[in-house]
Amino acid sequence: MSNGGAPAGGRAGHGGSGSSSSNSGSRTLHVPMLARVEGEAAMHVVVYDGRVSEVELRIFEPPRFFEALLRGRAFTEPPDITARICGICPVAYQMSACQAIEDACGATVPQPLQDLRRLLYCGEWIESHALHIYLLHAPDFLGYSSAIDLARDRRDLVERGLRLKKAGNTIMTVIGGRSIHPVNVRVGGFYRLPTAEELRGLRATLADALPDALATVELVAGFGFPDFTHD
């Protein structure tokens, strides 16, 4: 098996349309575009005498030339520009931009601000992983073609995933200003710090999400993962 390597946020599911051909006992299936992937992906499968003899999963990302977009910009702009690379994981790009500039300038961010950055990152991880588990991959493991089909029989699972995603989005909104492409991140820290009342509200949100998180661990532990060895 060969894997082209996934970009940040790139995750595979099934879906999409493709073509197949057969010749003297062999069959080839080619899906040029997988539908349930954060990013771009294709799959090529060869079956010979009823057995899979070759599988290629290609996860790729066309160039978007953000490096060129950043040339000539003020040092304050990269965090907001790079956030647009991905709507699911913008914090990863914002933090990379901030840390690169801070490192170049020899600036050290105080620990309390580092802790808030870490909390913002956790919000992104929660919402991204909830999307990944419940909407992209759980349908595959449980035998459904999509999360919509899964919801018809197991509405409780999909609603749990949406609650977890909402909890992550709430953290990103409080710390980052909004849940998609946060606007509160800047070189050196944040434009605005959350109030004590806002942080107390997050504590209640996370306490409510904890049972859903533990139930998610139990759910995923029961998935039948195939044996896999990377070339």
Protein backbone atom coordinates (compact mmCIF):
# COMPACT_ATOMS: atom_id res chain seq x y z
CA MET A 1 0.00 0.00 0.00
CA SER A 2 1.26 3.49 -0.76
CA ASN A 3 0.03 6.70 0.82
CA GLY A 4 0.78 10.10 -0.64
CA GLY A 5 0.81 11.68 2.82
CA ALA A 6 -2.02 13.72 4.33
CA PRO A 7 -1.93 17.51 4.73
CA ALA A 8 -2.99 19.00 8.06
CA GLY A 9 -6.68 18.25 8.37
CA GLY A 10 -6.64 15.65 5.59
CA ARG A 11 -8.67 12.61 6.59
CA ALA A 12 -10.02 9.85 4.43
CA GLY A 13 -13.52 8.40 4.27
CA HIS A 14 -15.31 6.67 1.42
CA GLY A 15 -17.56 8.15 -1.18
CA GLY A 16 -17.16 9.88 -4.49
CA SER A 17 -17.52 8.49 -8.00
CA GLY A 18 -15.05 6.52 -10.03
CA SER A 19 -14.51 3.93 -12.73
CA SER A 20 -13.71 0.25 -12.93
CA SER A 21 -12.28 -2.07 -15.54
CA SER A 22 -11.66 -5.79 -15.74
CA ASN A 23 -9.34 -8.01 -17.74
CA SER A 24 -8.66 -11.77 -17.53
CA GLY A 25 -9.48 -12.29 -13.87
CA SER A 26 -8.36 -8.89 -12.62
CA ARG A 27 -10.42 -5.83 -11.84
CA THR A 28 -9.28 -2.25 -11.33
CA LEU A 29 -11.29 0.37 -9.45
CA HIS A 30 -10.27 4.01 -9.60
CA VAL A 31 -11.99 6.73 -7.56
CA PRO A 32 -10.45 10.08 -8.54
CA MET A 33 -12.19 12.04 -5.79
CA LEU A 34 -13.20 10.77 -2.34
CA ALA A 35 -16.16 12.66 -0.94
CA ARG A 36 -15.56 12.36 2.81
CA VAL A 37 -12.08 13.83 3.08
CA GLU A 38 -10.93 17.13 4.58
CA GLY A 39 -8.64 17.96 1.68
CA GLU A 40 -8.30 16.11 -1.63
CA ALA A 41 -7.93 12.36 -2.11
CA ALA A 42 -8.14 9.55 -4.66
CA MET A 43 -8.03 5.75 -4.42
CA HIS A 44 -6.79 3.09 -6.87
CA VAL A 45 -7.58 -0.59 -6.17
CA VAL A 46 -6.56 -3.67 -8.15
CA VAL A 47 -8.31 -7.00 -7.48
CA TYR A 48 -6.84 -10.19 -8.96
CA ASP A 49 -8.54 -13.58 -8.72
CA GLY A 50 -10.89 -12.25 -6.05
CA ARG A 51 -8.10 -10.86 -3.83
CA VAL A 52 -6.97 -7.27 -3.44
CA SER A 53 -3.45 -7.13 -4.86
CA GLU A 54 -2.82 -3.38 -4.85
CA VAL A 55 -4.21 -0.34 -3.07
CA GLU A 56 -3.05 3.22 -3.47
CA LEU A 57 -4.53 6.04 -1.37
CA ARG A 58 -3.42 9.44 -2.57
CA ILE A 59 -4.09 12.41 -0.31
CA PHE A 60 -2.89 15.58 -1.94
CA GLU A 61 -3.29 19.32 -1.75
CA PRO A 62 -2.91 21.62 -4.73
CA PRO A 63 -0.57 24.59 -4.17
CA ARG A 64 -2.26 27.74 -2.95
CA PHE A 65 0.85 29.91 -2.80
CA PHE A 66 0.37 31.37 0.68
CA GLU A 67 4.13 31.92 0.86
CA ALA A 68 3.83 34.31 -2.07
CA LEU A 69 0.75 35.98 -0.57
CA LEU A 70 2.74 36.84 2.57
CA ARG A 71 5.57 38.60 0.76
CA GLY A 72 5.64 42.32 1.42
CA ARG A 73 3.00 42.09 4.15
CA ALA A 74 3.31 43.66 7.60
CA PHE A 75 4.42 41.28 10.35
CA THR A 76 0.98 41.63 11.96
CA GLU A 77 -0.85 40.11 8.98
CA PRO A 78 0.33 36.46 8.65
CA PRO A 79 -1.79 35.06 11.54
CA ASP A 80 -5.01 36.25 9.88
CA ILE A 81 -3.94 35.32 6.36
CA THR A 82 -2.67 31.83 7.18
CA ALA A 83 -5.83 31.04 9.16
CA ARG A 84 -7.63 30.90 5.80
CA ILE A 85 -5.63 27.82 4.79
CA CYS A 86 -8.21 25.64 6.56
CA GLY A 87 -11.62 26.22 8.08
CA ILE A 88 -11.30 23.13 10.31
CA CYS A 89 -7.78 23.65 11.69
CA PRO A 90 -6.97 27.37 11.35
CA VAL A 91 -5.30 27.60 14.77
CA ALA A 92 -2.45 25.33 13.67
CA TYR A 93 -1.53 27.80 10.94
CA GLN A 94 -2.08 30.88 13.10
CA MET A 95 0.14 29.55 15.87
CA SER A 96 2.84 28.54 13.39
CA ALA A 97 2.84 32.04 11.91
CA CYS A 98 2.94 33.72 15.32
CA GLN A 99 5.69 31.49 16.66
CA ALA A 100 7.83 31.90 13.54
CA ILE A 101 7.68 35.70 13.80
CA GLU A 102 8.21 35.70 17.57
CA ASP A 103 11.20 33.40 17.18
CA ALA A 104 12.68 35.62 14.45
CA CYS A 105 12.29 38.66 16.72
CA GLY A 106 13.59 36.90 19.85
CA ALA A 107 10.27 37.52 21.62
CA THR A 108 9.08 35.33 24.51
CA VAL A 109 5.35 35.02 25.17
CA PRO A 110 4.45 34.99 28.91
CA GLN A 111 3.26 31.66 30.29
CA PRO A 112 -0.37 32.77 30.94
CA LEU A 113 -0.69 33.69 27.26
CA GLN A 114 0.90 30.38 26.26
CA ASP A 115 -1.73 28.64 28.40
CA LEU A 116 -4.53 30.50 26.60
CA ARG A 117 -3.00 29.54 23.26
CA ARG A 118 -2.95 25.94 24.41
CA LEU A 119 -6.63 26.19 25.39
CA LEU A 120 -7.46 27.61 21.95
CA TYR A 121 -5.58 24.71 20.36
CA CYS A 122 -7.57 22.26 22.51
CA GLY A 123 -10.80 23.80 21.27
CA GLU A 124 -9.68 23.17 17.71
CA TRP A 125 -8.68 19.58 18.49
CA ILE A 126 -12.03 18.86 20.15
CA GLU A 127 -14.16 20.18 17.31
CA SER A 128 -11.94 18.71 14.60
CA HIS A 129 -11.74 15.23 16.15
CA ALA A 130 -15.49 15.18 16.86
CA LEU A 131 -16.12 15.94 13.19
CA HIS A 132 -13.59 13.31 12.15
CA ILE A 133 -14.93 10.54 14.38
CA TYR A 134 -18.68 10.99 14.14
CA LEU A 135 -19.28 12.46 10.69
CA LEU A 136 -16.44 11.04 8.60
CA HIS A 137 -15.32 7.70 10.03
CA ALA A 138 -18.00 6.28 12.35
CA PRO A 139 -20.37 5.66 9.41
CA ASP A 140 -17.68 3.52 7.73
CA PHE A 141 -16.99 1.43 10.83
CA LEU A 142 -20.69 0.99 11.62
CA GLY A 143 -21.74 0.11 8.08
CA TYR A 144 -23.46 3.30 6.91
CA SER A 145 -22.87 5.31 3.75
CA SER A 146 -22.99 8.68 5.50
CA ALA A 147 -23.60 10.41 8.81
CA ILE A 148 -27.12 11.19 7.63
CA ASP A 149 -27.84 7.49 7.18
CA LEU A 150 -26.24 6.80 10.56
CA ALA A 151 -28.50 9.39 12.19
CA ARG A 152 -31.61 7.57 10.99
CA ASP A 153 -30.76 4.56 13.16
CA ARG A 154 -28.35 6.04 15.74
CA ARG A 155 -29.40 9.62 16.20
CA ASP A 156 -27.86 9.57 19.67
CA LEU A 157 -24.37 9.04 18.24
CA VAL A 158 -24.59 11.89 15.75
CA GLU A 159 -26.05 14.25 18.35
CA ARG A 160 -23.22 13.34 20.74
CA GLY A 161 -20.69 14.21 18.08
CA LEU A 162 -22.39 17.52 17.37
CA ARG A 163 -22.42 18.36 21.09
CA LEU A 164 -18.68 17.71 21.31
CA LYS A 165 -18.02 19.79 18.23
CA LYS A 166 -20.09 22.60 19.71
CA ALA A 167 -18.01 22.47 22.90
CA GLY A 168 -14.81 22.86 20.87
CA ASN A 169 -16.36 25.67 18.84
CA THR A 170 -17.34 27.46 22.05
CA ILE A 171 -13.73 27.42 23.29
CA MET A 172 -12.54 28.82 19.96
CA THR A 173 -15.17 31.55 20.07
CA VAL A 174 -14.33 32.65 23.62
CA ILE A 175 -10.55 32.61 23.13
CA GLY A 176 -10.22 33.23 19.41
CA GLY A 177 -13.14 35.56 18.71
CA ARG A 178 -15.03 33.10 16.47
CA SER A 179 -15.03 29.38 15.75
CA ILE A 180 -13.99 29.53 12.09
CA HIS A 181 -10.88 31.52 11.17
CA PRO A 182 -10.39 33.11 14.64
CA VAL A 183 -9.69 36.86 14.58
CA ASN A 184 -8.35 37.38 18.13
CA VAL A 185 -4.89 35.84 17.61
CA ARG A 186 -1.92 38.12 17.07
CA VAL A 187 1.86 38.07 17.28
CA GLY A 188 2.74 38.29 20.98
CA GLY A 189 -0.61 37.11 22.32
CA PHE A 190 -4.21 38.14 21.74
CA TYR A 191 -6.03 41.34 20.85
CA ARG A 192 -8.44 40.77 23.73
CA LEU A 193 -8.25 38.52 26.77
CA PRO A 194 -11.35 36.59 27.89
CA THR A 195 -13.03 37.78 31.06
CA ALA A 196 -13.19 35.68 34.22
CA GLU A 197 -16.92 35.22 33.62
CA GLU A 198 -16.30 33.92 30.09
CA LEU A 199 -13.72 31.43 31.36
CA ARG A 200 -16.09 30.21 34.09
CA GLY A 201 -18.65 29.60 31.34
CA LEU A 202 -16.11 27.43 29.53
CA ARG A 203 -15.63 25.35 32.66
CA ALA A 204 -19.34 24.51 32.69
CA THR A 205 -19.27 23.73 28.94
CA LEU A 206 -16.36 21.31 29.36
CA ALA A 207 -17.89 19.65 32.42
CA ASP A 208 -21.01 18.93 30.36
CA ALA A 209 -18.87 17.59 27.49
CA LEU A 210 -16.83 15.20 29.64
CA PRO A 211 -19.40 12.35 29.67
CA ASP A 212 -19.69 12.61 25.87
CA ALA A 213 -15.91 12.47 25.54
CA LEU A 214 -15.67 9.35 27.71
CA ALA A 215 -18.51 7.73 25.78
CA THR A 216 -16.61 8.51 22.57
CA VAL A 217 -13.54 6.68 23.85
CA GLU A 218 -15.71 3.66 24.64
CA LEU A 219 -17.33 3.80 21.20
CA VAL A 220 -14.08 4.03 19.26
CA ALA A 221 -12.45 1.30 21.36
CA GLY A 222 -15.04 -1.06 19.94
CA PHE A 223 -14.29 -0.29 16.28
CA GLY A 224 -12.78 -3.14 14.31
CA PHE A 225 -9.57 -1.60 12.99
CA PRO A 226 -7.85 -3.67 10.27
CA ASP A 227 -4.21 -4.70 10.59
CA PHE A 228 -2.06 -2.21 8.72
CA THR A 229 1.64 -1.91 8.02
CA HIS A 230 2.96 1.17 6.27
CA ASP A 231 5.48 0.57 3.51
